[in-house]
Amino acid sequence: MDRTVIAYVIYLVVSIALTVWVARTLSRNGRVFLSDVLHGNEKLADAVNHLLVVGFYLVNLGFVALYLNDSGDIDDTRGIFEALSAKLGVVLLVLGVMHLGNVYVLNRIRRRGLMEREQQPPVSPQAWIPPTAGV
């Protein structure tokens, strides 16, 4: 088997394993956060969580597949490690950016919900005072 093919196989196995691990971690730990963002609506939190995980898989695995292409041949073992480190480094950066983007968007939604809750009057009105004439 060609060294380039070996590098491709290792890249795919590690990239897919990292994507699955990150997606499961985000899904498991993000559910509580989504429940808070969605004001305790557990069914909606589960549905949104599942949709986010599917989108995460599609974007990241699509990127991994597109980034598989390599312009040069790998001649030695050192070349395998160099190619893998560059490719996996980019995959890890994309996974990190996707994670931070998700957290940022959900935090913005959560803040908006908190602001809506805080805009209620602190004390309800106790009486109505009619306007006085001449003032």
N, C-alpha and C. Protein backbone atom coordinates (compact mmCIF):
# COMPACT_ATOMS: atom_id res chain seq x y z
N MET A 1 0.86 -1.18 0.00
CA MET A 1 0.00 0.00 0.00
C MET A 1 0.90 1.24 0.00
N ASP A 2 0.50 2.22 -0.74
CA ASP A 2 1.22 3.49 -0.89
C ASP A 2 1.18 4.28 0.43
N ARG A 3 2.24 5.02 0.73
CA ARG A 3 2.29 5.82 1.96
C ARG A 3 1.21 6.91 1.97
N THR A 4 0.90 7.43 0.81
CA THR A 4 -0.16 8.45 0.73
C THR A 4 -1.50 7.86 1.15
N VAL A 5 -1.78 6.65 0.73
CA VAL A 5 -3.02 5.98 1.11
C VAL A 5 -3.04 5.71 2.61
N ILE A 6 -1.89 5.31 3.16
CA ILE A 6 -1.80 5.09 4.61
C ILE A 6 -2.11 6.38 5.36
N ALA A 7 -1.55 7.49 4.88
CA ALA A 7 -1.81 8.79 5.51
C ALA A 7 -3.30 9.14 5.41
N TYR A 8 -3.91 8.87 4.26
CA TYR A 8 -5.35 9.13 4.09
C TYR A 8 -6.18 8.33 5.09
N VAL A 9 -5.86 7.06 5.22
CA VAL A 9 -6.62 6.19 6.12
C VAL A 9 -6.48 6.67 7.57
N ILE A 10 -5.27 6.96 7.98
CA ILE A 10 -5.06 7.45 9.35
C ILE A 10 -5.79 8.78 9.56
N TYR A 11 -5.68 9.66 8.59
CA TYR A 11 -6.37 10.97 8.67
C TYR A 11 -7.87 10.78 8.82
N LEU A 12 -8.46 9.93 8.01
CA LEU A 12 -9.91 9.72 8.08
C LEU A 12 -10.33 9.11 9.41
N VAL A 13 -9.61 8.10 9.87
CA VAL A 13 -9.96 7.44 11.12
C VAL A 13 -9.87 8.42 12.29
N VAL A 14 -8.77 9.16 12.38
CA VAL A 14 -8.59 10.09 13.50
C VAL A 14 -9.59 11.25 13.39
N SER A 15 -9.78 11.79 12.21
CA SER A 15 -10.71 12.93 12.04
C SER A 15 -12.14 12.54 12.38
N ILE A 16 -12.58 11.38 11.92
CA ILE A 16 -13.94 10.94 12.21
C ILE A 16 -14.08 10.65 13.70
N ALA A 17 -13.08 10.01 14.30
CA ALA A 17 -13.15 9.74 15.74
C ALA A 17 -13.21 11.04 16.54
N LEU A 18 -12.41 12.02 16.17
CA LEU A 18 -12.44 13.32 16.87
C LEU A 18 -13.79 14.01 16.70
N THR A 19 -14.33 13.96 15.50
CA THR A 19 -15.63 14.60 15.24
C THR A 19 -16.73 13.94 16.06
N VAL A 20 -16.73 12.62 16.11
CA VAL A 20 -17.75 11.91 16.89
C VAL A 20 -17.59 12.21 18.38
N TRP A 21 -16.36 12.20 18.87
CA TRP A 21 -16.10 12.49 20.29
C TRP A 21 -16.55 13.90 20.66
N VAL A 22 -16.19 14.89 19.84
CA VAL A 22 -16.58 16.28 20.14
C VAL A 22 -18.10 16.42 20.06
N ALA A 23 -18.73 15.83 19.06
CA ALA A 23 -20.18 15.94 18.93
C ALA A 23 -20.90 15.31 20.12
N ARG A 24 -20.45 14.15 20.56
CA ARG A 24 -21.08 13.50 21.72
C ARG A 24 -20.87 14.33 22.99
N THR A 25 -19.68 14.87 23.15
CA THR A 25 -19.40 15.70 24.33
C THR A 25 -20.26 16.95 24.33
N LEU A 26 -20.36 17.60 23.19
CA LEU A 26 -21.19 18.80 23.09
C LEU A 26 -22.66 18.46 23.31
N SER A 27 -23.10 17.35 22.76
CA SER A 27 -24.50 16.96 22.92
C SER A 27 -24.83 16.67 24.37
N ARG A 28 -23.98 15.91 25.02
CA ARG A 28 -24.24 15.51 26.41
C ARG A 28 -24.19 16.72 27.34
N ASN A 29 -23.19 17.56 27.20
CA ASN A 29 -23.03 18.69 28.11
C ASN A 29 -23.84 19.91 27.69
N GLY A 30 -24.16 20.01 26.42
CA GLY A 30 -24.91 21.15 25.94
C GLY A 30 -26.40 21.06 26.19
N ARG A 31 -26.90 19.88 26.50
CA ARG A 31 -28.33 19.71 26.74
C ARG A 31 -28.82 20.55 27.91
N VAL A 32 -28.05 20.60 28.99
CA VAL A 32 -28.43 21.40 30.16
C VAL A 32 -28.47 22.87 29.79
N PHE A 33 -27.48 23.31 29.03
CA PHE A 33 -27.42 24.69 28.59
C PHE A 33 -28.62 25.03 27.70
N LEU A 34 -28.94 24.15 26.78
CA LEU A 34 -30.10 24.37 25.90
C LEU A 34 -31.39 24.42 26.69
N SER A 35 -31.52 23.58 27.68
CA SER A 35 -32.71 23.59 28.52
C SER A 35 -32.88 24.94 29.21
N ASP A 36 -31.78 25.51 29.67
CA ASP A 36 -31.83 26.83 30.29
C ASP A 36 -32.18 27.90 29.27
N VAL A 37 -31.56 27.82 28.09
CA VAL A 37 -31.82 28.79 27.03
C VAL A 37 -33.29 28.76 26.62
N LEU A 38 -33.86 27.57 26.59
CA LEU A 38 -35.24 27.40 26.14
C LEU A 38 -36.23 27.35 27.30
N HIS A 39 -35.85 27.92 28.43
CA HIS A 39 -36.72 28.10 29.60
C HIS A 39 -37.30 26.79 30.12
N GLY A 40 -36.50 25.74 30.15
CA GLY A 40 -36.92 24.48 30.75
C GLY A 40 -37.76 23.58 29.86
N ASN A 41 -37.94 23.93 28.61
CA ASN A 41 -38.71 23.10 27.69
C ASN A 41 -37.82 21.93 27.24
N GLU A 42 -37.93 20.80 27.94
CA GLU A 42 -37.03 19.67 27.73
C GLU A 42 -37.17 19.04 26.33
N LYS A 43 -38.40 18.92 25.84
CA LYS A 43 -38.60 18.31 24.52
C LYS A 43 -37.99 19.18 23.43
N LEU A 44 -38.17 20.49 23.55
CA LEU A 44 -37.59 21.39 22.57
C LEU A 44 -36.06 21.40 22.69
N ALA A 45 -35.55 21.34 23.90
CA ALA A 45 -34.10 21.30 24.11
C ALA A 45 -33.50 20.04 23.47
N ASP A 46 -34.17 18.90 23.64
CA ASP A 46 -33.68 17.66 23.02
C ASP A 46 -33.71 17.75 21.50
N ALA A 47 -34.79 18.32 20.96
CA ALA A 47 -34.90 18.43 19.50
C ALA A 47 -33.83 19.37 18.94
N VAL A 48 -33.63 20.52 19.56
CA VAL A 48 -32.61 21.46 19.10
C VAL A 48 -31.23 20.84 19.24
N ASN A 49 -31.00 20.15 20.34
CA ASN A 49 -29.72 19.49 20.56
C ASN A 49 -29.43 18.48 19.45
N HIS A 50 -30.43 17.69 19.10
CA HIS A 50 -30.25 16.70 18.05
C HIS A 50 -29.98 17.37 16.70
N LEU A 51 -30.70 18.44 16.40
CA LEU A 51 -30.48 19.16 15.14
C LEU A 51 -29.09 19.77 15.09
N LEU A 52 -28.62 20.31 16.20
CA LEU A 52 -27.27 20.88 16.25
C LEU A 52 -26.21 19.80 16.03
N VAL A 53 -26.42 18.63 16.60
CA VAL A 53 -25.46 17.53 16.43
C VAL A 53 -25.43 17.08 14.98
N VAL A 54 -26.59 16.95 14.35
CA VAL A 54 -26.63 16.53 12.94
C VAL A 54 -25.92 17.57 12.07
N GLY A 55 -26.20 18.84 12.30
CA GLY A 55 -25.51 19.90 11.55
C GLY A 55 -24.02 19.88 11.79
N PHE A 56 -23.62 19.64 13.02
CA PHE A 56 -22.20 19.57 13.37
C PHE A 56 -21.51 18.44 12.59
N TYR A 57 -22.17 17.27 12.57
CA TYR A 57 -21.62 16.14 11.81
C TYR A 57 -21.51 16.47 10.32
N LEU A 58 -22.57 17.02 9.76
CA LEU A 58 -22.56 17.30 8.33
C LEU A 58 -21.46 18.28 7.95
N VAL A 59 -21.34 19.36 8.69
CA VAL A 59 -20.32 20.37 8.36
C VAL A 59 -18.92 19.81 8.55
N ASN A 60 -18.67 19.19 9.68
CA ASN A 60 -17.31 18.73 9.97
C ASN A 60 -16.89 17.55 9.11
N LEU A 61 -17.77 16.59 8.93
CA LEU A 61 -17.40 15.45 8.09
C LEU A 61 -17.29 15.86 6.62
N GLY A 62 -18.11 16.80 6.20
CA GLY A 62 -17.96 17.34 4.85
C GLY A 62 -16.63 18.03 4.67
N PHE A 63 -16.22 18.80 5.68
CA PHE A 63 -14.91 19.45 5.61
C PHE A 63 -13.79 18.41 5.59
N VAL A 64 -13.88 17.40 6.43
CA VAL A 64 -12.87 16.35 6.47
C VAL A 64 -12.75 15.68 5.10
N ALA A 65 -13.87 15.40 4.46
CA ALA A 65 -13.85 14.76 3.15
C ALA A 65 -13.24 15.68 2.09
N LEU A 66 -13.61 16.95 2.11
CA LEU A 66 -13.06 17.89 1.13
C LEU A 66 -11.57 18.14 1.34
N TYR A 67 -11.15 18.11 2.57
CA TYR A 67 -9.75 18.40 2.90
C TYR A 67 -8.86 17.16 2.74
N LEU A 68 -9.42 16.05 2.35
CA LEU A 68 -8.65 14.82 2.16
C LEU A 68 -7.68 14.94 1.01
N ASN A 69 -8.03 15.69 -0.01
CA ASN A 69 -7.19 15.83 -1.20
C ASN A 69 -5.81 16.36 -0.83
N ASP A 70 -4.79 15.76 -1.40
CA ASP A 70 -3.42 16.19 -1.17
C ASP A 70 -2.73 16.34 -2.52
N SER A 71 -1.96 17.40 -2.67
CA SER A 71 -1.36 17.67 -3.97
C SER A 71 -0.07 16.87 -4.22
N GLY A 72 0.58 16.43 -3.17
CA GLY A 72 1.86 15.75 -3.36
C GLY A 72 1.85 14.32 -2.86
N ASP A 73 2.84 13.59 -3.28
CA ASP A 73 3.02 12.22 -2.82
C ASP A 73 3.85 12.23 -1.54
N ILE A 74 3.61 11.26 -0.69
CA ILE A 74 4.36 11.11 0.54
C ILE A 74 5.40 10.03 0.30
N ASP A 75 6.68 10.39 0.49
CA ASP A 75 7.76 9.48 0.15
C ASP A 75 8.30 8.67 1.32
N ASP A 76 8.16 9.20 2.54
CA ASP A 76 8.74 8.49 3.68
C ASP A 76 7.83 8.64 4.90
N THR A 77 8.23 8.00 5.99
CA THR A 77 7.43 8.04 7.22
C THR A 77 7.32 9.45 7.77
N ARG A 78 8.39 10.20 7.67
CA ARG A 78 8.36 11.60 8.13
C ARG A 78 7.29 12.38 7.37
N GLY A 79 7.18 12.14 6.09
CA GLY A 79 6.16 12.82 5.28
C GLY A 79 4.75 12.49 5.74
N ILE A 80 4.54 11.25 6.20
CA ILE A 80 3.23 10.86 6.73
C ILE A 80 2.89 11.71 7.95
N PHE A 81 3.85 11.82 8.87
CA PHE A 81 3.60 12.60 10.09
C PHE A 81 3.40 14.09 9.78
N GLU A 82 4.16 14.62 8.85
CA GLU A 82 4.00 16.03 8.49
C GLU A 82 2.64 16.30 7.85
N ALA A 83 2.24 15.43 6.95
CA ALA A 83 0.93 15.60 6.30
C ALA A 83 -0.20 15.45 7.31
N LEU A 84 -0.08 14.44 8.17
CA LEU A 84 -1.13 14.22 9.17
C LEU A 84 -1.21 15.37 10.17
N SER A 85 -0.07 15.89 10.60
CA SER A 85 -0.11 16.98 11.58
C SER A 85 -0.76 18.21 10.99
N ALA A 86 -0.47 18.52 9.74
CA ALA A 86 -1.08 19.69 9.11
C ALA A 86 -2.58 19.49 8.93
N LYS A 87 -2.97 18.34 8.41
CA LYS A 87 -4.39 18.09 8.17
C LYS A 87 -5.19 18.00 9.46
N LEU A 88 -4.68 17.25 10.44
CA LEU A 88 -5.40 17.12 11.71
C LEU A 88 -5.43 18.43 12.48
N GLY A 89 -4.39 19.20 12.37
CA GLY A 89 -4.38 20.52 13.01
C GLY A 89 -5.49 21.41 12.47
N VAL A 90 -5.66 21.40 11.17
CA VAL A 90 -6.74 22.21 10.58
C VAL A 90 -8.10 21.67 10.99
N VAL A 91 -8.25 20.35 11.01
CA VAL A 91 -9.52 19.75 11.44
C VAL A 91 -9.83 20.15 12.88
N LEU A 92 -8.83 20.10 13.76
CA LEU A 92 -9.04 20.49 15.16
C LEU A 92 -9.43 21.96 15.27
N LEU A 93 -8.80 22.80 14.48
CA LEU A 93 -9.16 24.23 14.50
C LEU A 93 -10.60 24.44 14.02
N VAL A 94 -11.00 23.73 12.99
CA VAL A 94 -12.39 23.84 12.50
C VAL A 94 -13.36 23.35 13.56
N LEU A 95 -13.04 22.24 14.22
CA LEU A 95 -13.91 21.74 15.29
C LEU A 95 -14.02 22.79 16.41
N GLY A 96 -12.91 23.39 16.78
CA GLY A 96 -12.92 24.42 17.82
C GLY A 96 -13.73 25.64 17.43
N VAL A 97 -13.58 26.09 16.20
CA VAL A 97 -14.34 27.26 15.73
C VAL A 97 -15.83 26.94 15.70
N MET A 98 -16.18 25.74 15.25
CA MET A 98 -17.60 25.35 15.24
C MET A 98 -18.16 25.33 16.65
N HIS A 99 -17.40 24.80 17.58
CA HIS A 99 -17.84 24.74 18.97
C HIS A 99 -18.02 26.15 19.53
N LEU A 100 -17.05 27.01 19.34
CA LEU A 100 -17.16 28.38 19.85
C LEU A 100 -18.32 29.13 19.19
N GLY A 101 -18.53 28.89 17.91
CA GLY A 101 -19.66 29.52 17.22
C GLY A 101 -20.99 29.08 17.82
N ASN A 102 -21.14 27.80 18.09
CA ASN A 102 -22.37 27.29 18.71
C ASN A 102 -22.59 27.91 20.09
N VAL A 103 -21.53 27.93 20.89
CA VAL A 103 -21.65 28.50 22.24
C VAL A 103 -21.99 29.98 22.17
N TYR A 104 -21.38 30.70 21.25
CA TYR A 104 -21.66 32.13 21.11
C TYR A 104 -23.12 32.39 20.76
N VAL A 105 -23.62 31.67 19.78
CA VAL A 105 -25.02 31.86 19.36
C VAL A 105 -25.98 31.50 20.49
N LEU A 106 -25.74 30.38 21.15
CA LEU A 106 -26.63 29.97 22.24
C LEU A 106 -26.56 30.94 23.41
N ASN A 107 -25.39 31.48 23.68
CA ASN A 107 -25.26 32.46 24.76
C ASN A 107 -26.02 33.74 24.42
N ARG A 108 -25.98 34.15 23.15
CA ARG A 108 -26.75 35.34 22.74
C ARG A 108 -28.25 35.10 22.92
N ILE A 109 -28.71 33.91 22.56
CA ILE A 109 -30.13 33.57 22.74
C ILE A 109 -30.47 33.58 24.23
N ARG A 110 -29.59 33.02 25.04
CA ARG A 110 -29.82 32.96 26.49
C ARG A 110 -29.88 34.36 27.08
N ARG A 111 -28.96 35.23 26.69
CA ARG A 111 -28.96 36.61 27.19
C ARG A 111 -30.25 37.34 26.82
N ARG A 112 -30.70 37.14 25.59
CA ARG A 112 -31.94 37.79 25.15
C ARG A 112 -33.10 37.33 26.01
N GLY A 113 -33.14 36.02 26.31
CA GLY A 113 -34.21 35.50 27.17
C GLY A 113 -34.14 36.06 28.57
N LEU A 114 -32.93 36.19 29.11
CA LEU A 114 -32.77 36.77 30.46
C LEU A 114 -33.19 38.23 30.48
N MET A 115 -32.87 38.97 29.43
CA MET A 115 -33.25 40.38 29.37
C MET A 115 -34.76 40.53 29.30
N GLU A 116 -35.43 39.64 28.57
CA GLU A 116 -36.89 39.70 28.48
C GLU A 116 -37.53 39.45 29.84
N ARG A 117 -36.94 38.53 30.60
CA ARG A 117 -37.47 38.24 31.94
C ARG A 117 -37.26 39.42 32.89
N GLU A 118 -36.16 40.14 32.73
CA GLU A 118 -35.83 41.24 33.64
C GLU A 118 -36.58 42.52 33.31
N GLN A 119 -37.24 42.63 32.19
CA GLN A 119 -37.91 43.86 31.80
C GLN A 119 -39.29 44.01 32.41
N GLN A 120 -39.70 43.11 33.23
CA GLN A 120 -40.98 43.24 33.91
C GLN A 120 -40.84 44.29 35.01
N PRO A 121 -41.90 45.02 35.32
CA PRO A 121 -41.79 46.03 36.37
C PRO A 121 -41.45 45.37 37.71
N PRO A 122 -40.58 46.01 38.50
CA PRO A 122 -40.17 45.40 39.77
C PRO A 122 -41.32 45.32 40.78
N VAL A 123 -42.23 46.30 40.73
CA VAL A 123 -43.36 46.31 41.65
C VAL A 123 -44.61 46.60 40.83
N SER A 124 -45.65 45.85 41.06
CA SER A 124 -46.88 46.11 40.30
C SER A 124 -47.54 47.38 40.82
N PRO A 125 -48.23 48.09 39.94
CA PRO A 125 -48.90 49.33 40.37
C PRO A 125 -49.97 49.02 41.43
N GLN A 126 -50.07 49.93 42.40
CA GLN A 126 -51.02 49.71 43.48
C GLN A 126 -52.28 50.56 43.34
N ALA A 127 -52.17 51.67 42.64
CA ALA A 127 -53.34 52.54 42.47
C ALA A 127 -53.14 53.39 41.23
N TRP A 128 -54.28 53.95 40.74
CA TRP A 128 -54.21 54.84 39.59
C TRP A 128 -54.51 56.24 40.10
N ILE A 129 -53.65 57.17 39.74
CA ILE A 129 -53.85 58.56 40.17
C ILE A 129 -54.26 59.36 38.95
N PRO A 130 -55.46 59.97 39.00
CA PRO A 130 -55.93 60.74 37.84
C PRO A 130 -55.09 62.02 37.70
N PRO A 131 -54.92 62.51 36.48
CA PRO A 131 -54.17 63.75 36.29
C PRO A 131 -54.94 64.92 36.88
N THR A 132 -54.23 65.89 37.40
CA THR A 132 -54.87 67.06 37.98
C THR A 132 -55.03 68.13 36.91
N ALA A 133 -56.10 68.87 36.99
CA ALA A 133 -56.36 69.93 36.02
C ALA A 133 -55.45 71.11 36.32
N GLY A 134 -54.98 71.77 35.28
CA GLY A 134 -54.19 72.98 35.43
C GLY A 134 -52.69 72.70 35.55
N VAL A 135 -52.29 71.53 35.59
CA VAL A 135 -50.85 71.28 35.69
C VAL A 135 -50.28 70.92 34.37
